[in-house]
Amino acid sequence: MENLKQEAIRVISELPETANIDDIMYELYVVDKIKKGRDAIDHGESISTEELKKEMQAW
């Protein structure tokens, strides 16, 4: 498993040479959101699709 710094370096190195700072920030943002989502699932902090549908009906 990569540590955070290694993962950031890998993600940045996979971007094209023409990537700008916004591209880099977006990619790191996406990686962070995916990591947080996986952590939430691991800790049972997620809901099922059916539960989400019920919540959406209340909107």
N, C-alpha and C. Protein backbone atom coordinates (compact mmCIF):
# COMPACT_ATOMS: atom_id res chain seq x y z
N MET A 1 0.84 -1.18 0.00
CA MET A 1 0.00 0.00 0.00
C MET A 1 0.88 1.25 0.00
N GLU A 2 0.56 2.17 -0.86
CA GLU A 2 1.32 3.40 -0.95
C GLU A 2 0.98 4.34 0.20
N ASN A 3 1.99 5.08 0.66
CA ASN A 3 1.65 6.13 1.61
C ASN A 3 1.17 7.34 0.80
N LEU A 4 0.69 8.32 1.49
CA LEU A 4 0.07 9.47 0.81
C LEU A 4 1.03 10.17 -0.14
N LYS A 5 2.26 10.39 0.30
CA LYS A 5 3.23 11.08 -0.55
C LYS A 5 3.53 10.27 -1.80
N GLN A 6 3.72 8.96 -1.66
CA GLN A 6 4.00 8.11 -2.81
C GLN A 6 2.83 8.12 -3.79
N GLU A 7 1.62 8.08 -3.25
CA GLU A 7 0.44 8.09 -4.11
C GLU A 7 0.33 9.41 -4.87
N ALA A 8 0.59 10.53 -4.19
CA ALA A 8 0.54 11.83 -4.84
C ALA A 8 1.57 11.92 -5.96
N ILE A 9 2.77 11.45 -5.69
CA ILE A 9 3.83 11.47 -6.70
C ILE A 9 3.44 10.61 -7.90
N ARG A 10 2.87 9.43 -7.64
CA ARG A 10 2.45 8.54 -8.73
C ARG A 10 1.37 9.21 -9.58
N VAL A 11 0.36 9.79 -8.93
CA VAL A 11 -0.74 10.42 -9.66
C VAL A 11 -0.21 11.57 -10.52
N ILE A 12 0.64 12.39 -9.94
CA ILE A 12 1.18 13.53 -10.68
C ILE A 12 2.05 13.06 -11.85
N SER A 13 2.85 12.03 -11.62
CA SER A 13 3.74 11.55 -12.69
C SER A 13 2.97 10.93 -13.85
N GLU A 14 1.75 10.48 -13.62
CA GLU A 14 0.94 9.89 -14.69
C GLU A 14 0.21 10.94 -15.53
N LEU A 15 0.22 12.19 -15.08
CA LEU A 15 -0.42 13.26 -15.84
C LEU A 15 0.45 13.63 -17.05
N PRO A 16 -0.16 14.14 -18.10
CA PRO A 16 0.64 14.56 -19.26
C PRO A 16 1.53 15.76 -18.90
N GLU A 17 2.56 15.94 -19.67
CA GLU A 17 3.50 17.05 -19.43
C GLU A 17 2.82 18.41 -19.54
N THR A 18 1.69 18.46 -20.23
CA THR A 18 0.98 19.73 -20.41
C THR A 18 0.03 20.04 -19.25
N ALA A 19 -0.01 19.18 -18.23
CA ALA A 19 -0.91 19.39 -17.09
C ALA A 19 -0.55 20.69 -16.37
N ASN A 20 -1.57 21.41 -15.96
CA ASN A 20 -1.33 22.63 -15.19
C ASN A 20 -1.67 22.40 -13.72
N ILE A 21 -1.52 23.41 -12.92
CA ILE A 21 -1.73 23.26 -11.47
C ILE A 21 -3.17 22.85 -11.17
N ASP A 22 -4.13 23.34 -11.95
CA ASP A 22 -5.53 22.96 -11.73
C ASP A 22 -5.74 21.48 -11.99
N ASP A 23 -5.09 20.94 -13.01
CA ASP A 23 -5.18 19.51 -13.31
C ASP A 23 -4.62 18.69 -12.15
N ILE A 24 -3.48 19.12 -11.65
CA ILE A 24 -2.84 18.41 -10.54
C ILE A 24 -3.72 18.44 -9.30
N MET A 25 -4.24 19.62 -8.98
CA MET A 25 -5.09 19.76 -7.79
C MET A 25 -6.35 18.90 -7.92
N TYR A 26 -6.94 18.88 -9.12
CA TYR A 26 -8.15 18.09 -9.33
C TYR A 26 -7.87 16.60 -9.13
N GLU A 27 -6.80 16.11 -9.71
CA GLU A 27 -6.46 14.69 -9.58
C GLU A 27 -6.23 14.32 -8.12
N LEU A 28 -5.52 15.17 -7.37
CA LEU A 28 -5.27 14.89 -5.96
C LEU A 28 -6.58 14.95 -5.16
N TYR A 29 -7.47 15.86 -5.53
CA TYR A 29 -8.78 15.96 -4.89
C TYR A 29 -9.57 14.67 -5.09
N VAL A 30 -9.57 14.16 -6.31
CA VAL A 30 -10.30 12.92 -6.62
C VAL A 30 -9.72 11.75 -5.82
N VAL A 31 -8.40 11.64 -5.78
CA VAL A 31 -7.76 10.58 -5.01
C VAL A 31 -8.17 10.67 -3.54
N ASP A 32 -8.19 11.88 -2.99
CA ASP A 32 -8.57 12.08 -1.59
C ASP A 32 -10.02 11.66 -1.36
N LYS A 33 -10.92 12.04 -2.23
CA LYS A 33 -12.34 11.69 -2.07
C LYS A 33 -12.55 10.19 -2.16
N ILE A 34 -11.84 9.53 -3.06
CA ILE A 34 -11.95 8.07 -3.18
C ILE A 34 -11.46 7.40 -1.90
N LYS A 35 -10.31 7.88 -1.38
CA LYS A 35 -9.76 7.32 -0.16
C LYS A 35 -10.74 7.50 1.00
N LYS A 36 -11.31 8.69 1.14
CA LYS A 36 -12.26 8.94 2.22
C LYS A 36 -13.50 8.08 2.06
N GLY A 37 -13.96 7.86 0.84
CA GLY A 37 -15.11 7.00 0.60
C GLY A 37 -14.84 5.56 0.98
N ARG A 38 -13.67 5.07 0.62
CA ARG A 38 -13.30 3.70 0.97
C ARG A 38 -13.16 3.54 2.48
N ASP A 39 -12.58 4.54 3.13
CA ASP A 39 -12.46 4.50 4.59
C ASP A 39 -13.84 4.48 5.26
N ALA A 40 -14.77 5.26 4.72
CA ALA A 40 -16.12 5.30 5.27
C ALA A 40 -16.78 3.93 5.13
N ILE A 41 -16.61 3.30 3.99
CA ILE A 41 -17.18 1.96 3.78
C ILE A 41 -16.57 0.97 4.77
N ASP A 42 -15.25 1.04 4.94
CA ASP A 42 -14.57 0.14 5.88
C ASP A 42 -15.05 0.31 7.31
N HIS A 43 -15.49 1.52 7.65
CA HIS A 43 -15.96 1.79 9.01
C HIS A 43 -17.49 1.70 9.13
N GLY A 44 -18.14 1.19 8.10
CA GLY A 44 -19.58 1.03 8.14
C GLY A 44 -20.35 2.33 8.09
N GLU A 45 -19.74 3.35 7.54
CA GLU A 45 -20.35 4.67 7.48
C GLU A 45 -20.96 4.96 6.11
N SER A 46 -21.62 3.96 5.55
CA SER A 46 -22.24 4.13 4.24
C SER A 46 -23.66 3.60 4.31
N ILE A 47 -24.44 3.89 3.28
CA ILE A 47 -25.80 3.40 3.24
C ILE A 47 -26.00 2.62 1.94
N SER A 48 -27.01 1.78 1.93
CA SER A 48 -27.29 0.97 0.75
C SER A 48 -27.98 1.82 -0.31
N THR A 49 -28.05 1.28 -1.51
CA THR A 49 -28.73 1.96 -2.60
C THR A 49 -30.19 2.17 -2.26
N GLU A 50 -30.80 1.16 -1.65
CA GLU A 50 -32.21 1.26 -1.28
C GLU A 50 -32.43 2.37 -0.24
N GLU A 51 -31.53 2.48 0.72
CA GLU A 51 -31.66 3.55 1.72
C GLU A 51 -31.51 4.92 1.07
N LEU A 52 -30.60 5.02 0.11
CA LEU A 52 -30.40 6.28 -0.59
C LEU A 52 -31.64 6.65 -1.39
N LYS A 53 -32.25 5.67 -2.05
CA LYS A 53 -33.48 5.95 -2.82
C LYS A 53 -34.58 6.47 -1.91
N LYS A 54 -34.71 5.88 -0.72
CA LYS A 54 -35.72 6.34 0.23
C LYS A 54 -35.45 7.78 0.66
N GLU A 55 -34.19 8.10 0.92
CA GLU A 55 -33.83 9.47 1.29
C GLU A 55 -34.14 10.44 0.17
N MET A 56 -33.84 10.05 -1.05
CA MET A 56 -34.07 10.94 -2.18
C MET A 56 -35.55 11.21 -2.40
N GLN A 57 -36.40 10.24 -2.09
CA GLN A 57 -37.84 10.44 -2.24
C GLN A 57 -38.33 11.51 -1.25
N ALA A 58 -37.65 11.65 -0.12
CA ALA A 58 -38.04 12.65 0.88
C ALA A 58 -37.67 14.06 0.46
N TRP A 59 -36.81 14.20 -0.56
CA TRP A 59 -36.41 15.53 -1.01
C TRP A 59 -37.56 16.12 -1.72
